[in-house]
Amino acid sequence: MTATVVGERFGAVVREHREARGWSQELLAHRADLNRSYMGEIERAAAMPSLATAAKVALALGVSLSALISSCEVAR
């Protein structure tokens, strides 16, 4: 699995979790203490978050980092 594929899957998983909660990118970014435009870049796989940033996103979504990352490994 290439880094591009991981980034695309991570962004898609974050978007799925966010949309399942009915949240905007702005709300998720606020809860994760991130810039809204950066959150959009993560979801579009235009940016690859660090582990620390991924952990902030997971915490904001109320899921463990390991669960968020393992969701990226599931074939979609």
N, C-alpha and C. Protein backbone atom coordinates (compact mmCIF):
# COMPACT_ATOMS: atom_id res chain seq x y z
N MET A 1 0.86 -1.17 0.00
CA MET A 1 0.00 0.00 0.00
C MET A 1 0.90 1.23 0.00
N THR A 2 0.66 2.12 -0.95
CA THR A 2 1.49 3.31 -1.06
C THR A 2 1.02 4.40 -0.10
N ALA A 3 1.88 5.37 0.13
CA ALA A 3 1.54 6.48 1.01
C ALA A 3 0.34 7.25 0.47
N THR A 4 0.24 7.36 -0.85
CA THR A 4 -0.89 8.06 -1.46
C THR A 4 -2.20 7.35 -1.14
N VAL A 5 -2.18 6.03 -1.25
CA VAL A 5 -3.39 5.25 -0.96
C VAL A 5 -3.76 5.38 0.51
N VAL A 6 -2.77 5.32 1.38
CA VAL A 6 -3.04 5.47 2.82
C VAL A 6 -3.64 6.84 3.09
N GLY A 7 -3.08 7.87 2.50
CA GLY A 7 -3.60 9.23 2.68
C GLY A 7 -5.02 9.36 2.19
N GLU A 8 -5.31 8.78 1.03
CA GLU A 8 -6.66 8.83 0.48
C GLU A 8 -7.64 8.11 1.40
N ARG A 9 -7.24 6.95 1.86
CA ARG A 9 -8.13 6.19 2.75
C ARG A 9 -8.31 6.89 4.09
N PHE A 10 -7.22 7.45 4.62
CA PHE A 10 -7.34 8.17 5.90
C PHE A 10 -8.31 9.33 5.75
N GLY A 11 -8.14 10.11 4.70
CA GLY A 11 -9.04 11.23 4.47
C GLY A 11 -10.48 10.80 4.32
N ALA A 12 -10.71 9.71 3.61
CA ALA A 12 -12.07 9.20 3.41
C ALA A 12 -12.67 8.72 4.73
N VAL A 13 -11.86 8.07 5.55
CA VAL A 13 -12.33 7.57 6.85
C VAL A 13 -12.68 8.75 7.76
N VAL A 14 -11.84 9.76 7.78
CA VAL A 14 -12.12 10.95 8.59
C VAL A 14 -13.43 11.58 8.12
N ARG A 15 -13.60 11.73 6.81
CA ARG A 15 -14.82 12.32 6.26
C ARG A 15 -16.05 11.50 6.66
N GLU A 16 -15.95 10.17 6.56
CA GLU A 16 -17.07 9.30 6.92
C GLU A 16 -17.47 9.49 8.39
N HIS A 17 -16.47 9.52 9.27
CA HIS A 17 -16.75 9.73 10.69
C HIS A 17 -17.38 11.10 10.93
N ARG A 18 -16.84 12.12 10.26
CA ARG A 18 -17.36 13.48 10.42
C ARG A 18 -18.80 13.57 9.93
N GLU A 19 -19.05 13.06 8.75
CA GLU A 19 -20.39 13.14 8.18
C GLU A 19 -21.40 12.30 8.97
N ALA A 20 -20.96 11.17 9.53
CA ALA A 20 -21.84 10.34 10.35
C ALA A 20 -22.33 11.10 11.58
N ARG A 21 -21.53 12.06 12.02
CA ARG A 21 -21.89 12.87 13.18
C ARG A 21 -22.66 14.13 12.77
N GLY A 22 -22.74 14.36 11.47
CA GLY A 22 -23.42 15.57 11.00
C GLY A 22 -22.61 16.83 11.21
N TRP A 23 -21.29 16.68 11.32
CA TRP A 23 -20.41 17.81 11.59
C TRP A 23 -19.88 18.42 10.30
N SER A 24 -19.62 19.71 10.34
CA SER A 24 -18.93 20.38 9.25
C SER A 24 -17.42 20.19 9.44
N GLN A 25 -16.68 20.47 8.38
CA GLN A 25 -15.21 20.45 8.52
C GLN A 25 -14.78 21.48 9.54
N GLU A 26 -15.46 22.60 9.56
CA GLU A 26 -15.10 23.66 10.50
C GLU A 26 -15.26 23.20 11.95
N LEU A 27 -16.36 22.48 12.25
CA LEU A 27 -16.58 22.00 13.61
C LEU A 27 -15.53 20.97 14.00
N LEU A 28 -15.25 20.02 13.10
CA LEU A 28 -14.22 19.02 13.41
C LEU A 28 -12.87 19.69 13.61
N ALA A 29 -12.54 20.62 12.74
CA ALA A 29 -11.26 21.33 12.87
C ALA A 29 -11.18 22.05 14.21
N HIS A 30 -12.26 22.68 14.61
CA HIS A 30 -12.28 23.39 15.89
C HIS A 30 -12.07 22.39 17.04
N ARG A 31 -12.78 21.28 17.01
CA ARG A 31 -12.67 20.28 18.08
C ARG A 31 -11.27 19.65 18.13
N ALA A 32 -10.62 19.57 16.96
CA ALA A 32 -9.28 18.99 16.90
C ALA A 32 -8.18 20.04 17.04
N ASP A 33 -8.58 21.31 17.19
CA ASP A 33 -7.64 22.42 17.29
C ASP A 33 -6.75 22.51 16.06
N LEU A 34 -7.41 22.42 14.89
CA LEU A 34 -6.71 22.51 13.61
C LEU A 34 -7.38 23.58 12.76
N ASN A 35 -6.70 24.02 11.73
CA ASN A 35 -7.24 24.98 10.78
C ASN A 35 -8.23 24.27 9.87
N ARG A 36 -9.37 24.89 9.56
CA ARG A 36 -10.38 24.26 8.73
C ARG A 36 -9.86 23.91 7.34
N SER A 37 -9.07 24.78 6.76
CA SER A 37 -8.55 24.48 5.43
C SER A 37 -7.60 23.28 5.47
N TYR A 38 -6.85 23.13 6.56
CA TYR A 38 -5.98 21.96 6.70
C TYR A 38 -6.82 20.68 6.83
N MET A 39 -7.93 20.77 7.54
CA MET A 39 -8.82 19.61 7.67
C MET A 39 -9.32 19.20 6.29
N GLY A 40 -9.67 20.16 5.46
CA GLY A 40 -10.09 19.87 4.09
C GLY A 40 -8.99 19.20 3.29
N GLU A 41 -7.76 19.65 3.48
CA GLU A 41 -6.63 19.04 2.79
C GLU A 41 -6.43 17.60 3.22
N ILE A 42 -6.63 17.32 4.50
CA ILE A 42 -6.52 15.95 5.00
C ILE A 42 -7.58 15.08 4.34
N GLU A 43 -8.82 15.56 4.32
CA GLU A 43 -9.91 14.77 3.75
C GLU A 43 -9.73 14.54 2.25
N ARG A 44 -9.11 15.48 1.56
CA ARG A 44 -8.87 15.34 0.12
C ARG A 44 -7.56 14.63 -0.18
N ALA A 45 -6.83 14.23 0.85
CA ALA A 45 -5.52 13.59 0.71
C ALA A 45 -4.50 14.53 0.06
N ALA A 46 -4.71 15.83 0.21
CA ALA A 46 -3.74 16.80 -0.27
C ALA A 46 -2.66 17.04 0.78
N ALA A 47 -2.92 16.59 2.01
CA ALA A 47 -1.96 16.70 3.10
C ALA A 47 -1.97 15.39 3.88
N MET A 48 -0.80 14.97 4.32
CA MET A 48 -0.66 13.76 5.14
C MET A 48 -0.37 14.22 6.57
N PRO A 49 -1.32 13.99 7.49
CA PRO A 49 -1.12 14.46 8.86
C PRO A 49 -0.03 13.67 9.59
N SER A 50 0.61 14.32 10.53
CA SER A 50 1.55 13.63 11.41
C SER A 50 0.76 12.74 12.34
N LEU A 51 1.43 11.87 13.05
CA LEU A 51 0.75 11.03 14.04
C LEU A 51 0.09 11.88 15.12
N ALA A 52 0.76 12.93 15.52
CA ALA A 52 0.20 13.82 16.55
C ALA A 52 -1.10 14.45 16.05
N THR A 53 -1.12 14.88 14.80
CA THR A 53 -2.32 15.49 14.24
C THR A 53 -3.41 14.45 14.07
N ALA A 54 -3.05 13.25 13.60
CA ALA A 54 -4.03 12.17 13.47
C ALA A 54 -4.64 11.84 14.82
N ALA A 55 -3.84 11.89 15.87
CA ALA A 55 -4.34 11.62 17.23
C ALA A 55 -5.32 12.70 17.65
N LYS A 56 -5.05 13.96 17.29
CA LYS A 56 -5.97 15.05 17.62
C LYS A 56 -7.31 14.86 16.91
N VAL A 57 -7.25 14.43 15.66
CA VAL A 57 -8.47 14.18 14.89
C VAL A 57 -9.26 13.03 15.52
N ALA A 58 -8.56 11.95 15.86
CA ALA A 58 -9.22 10.79 16.48
C ALA A 58 -9.89 11.19 17.79
N LEU A 59 -9.17 11.93 18.62
CA LEU A 59 -9.73 12.37 19.90
C LEU A 59 -10.97 13.23 19.68
N ALA A 60 -10.91 14.14 18.71
CA ALA A 60 -12.05 14.99 18.41
C ALA A 60 -13.26 14.18 17.95
N LEU A 61 -12.99 13.09 17.22
CA LEU A 61 -14.06 12.22 16.73
C LEU A 61 -14.55 11.24 17.79
N GLY A 62 -13.81 11.12 18.88
CA GLY A 62 -14.20 10.20 19.95
C GLY A 62 -13.88 8.75 19.65
N VAL A 63 -12.85 8.54 18.81
CA VAL A 63 -12.40 7.17 18.51
C VAL A 63 -10.92 7.08 18.83
N SER A 64 -10.44 5.87 19.01
CA SER A 64 -9.01 5.71 19.27
C SER A 64 -8.23 5.92 17.97
N LEU A 65 -7.00 6.34 18.11
CA LEU A 65 -6.13 6.50 16.94
C LEU A 65 -5.97 5.17 16.23
N SER A 66 -5.80 4.09 16.99
CA SER A 66 -5.62 2.78 16.37
C SER A 66 -6.85 2.37 15.56
N ALA A 67 -8.05 2.67 16.06
CA ALA A 67 -9.27 2.34 15.33
C ALA A 67 -9.37 3.16 14.05
N LEU A 68 -9.01 4.43 14.13
CA LEU A 68 -9.06 5.29 12.95
C LEU A 68 -8.09 4.80 11.88
N ILE A 69 -6.89 4.46 12.30
CA ILE A 69 -5.88 3.99 11.34
C ILE A 69 -6.24 2.61 10.79
N SER A 70 -6.72 1.72 11.66
CA SER A 70 -7.06 0.38 11.16
C SER A 70 -8.21 0.43 10.18
N SER A 71 -9.08 1.42 10.29
CA SER A 71 -10.17 1.59 9.32
C SER A 71 -9.63 1.87 7.92
N CYS A 72 -8.44 2.42 7.86
CA CYS A 72 -7.83 2.74 6.56
C CYS A 72 -7.34 1.48 5.85
N GLU A 73 -7.13 0.42 6.59
CA GLU A 73 -6.61 -0.82 6.01
C GLU A 73 -7.69 -1.67 5.39
N VAL A 74 -8.94 -1.41 5.72
CA VAL A 74 -10.05 -2.20 5.20
C VAL A 74 -10.29 -1.79 3.75
N ALA A 75 -10.37 -2.77 2.88
CA ALA A 75 -10.63 -2.48 1.47
C ALA A 75 -12.00 -1.82 1.33
N ARG A 76 -12.06 -0.78 0.57
CA ARG A 76 -13.33 -0.06 0.40
C ARG A 76 -13.83 -0.24 -0.99
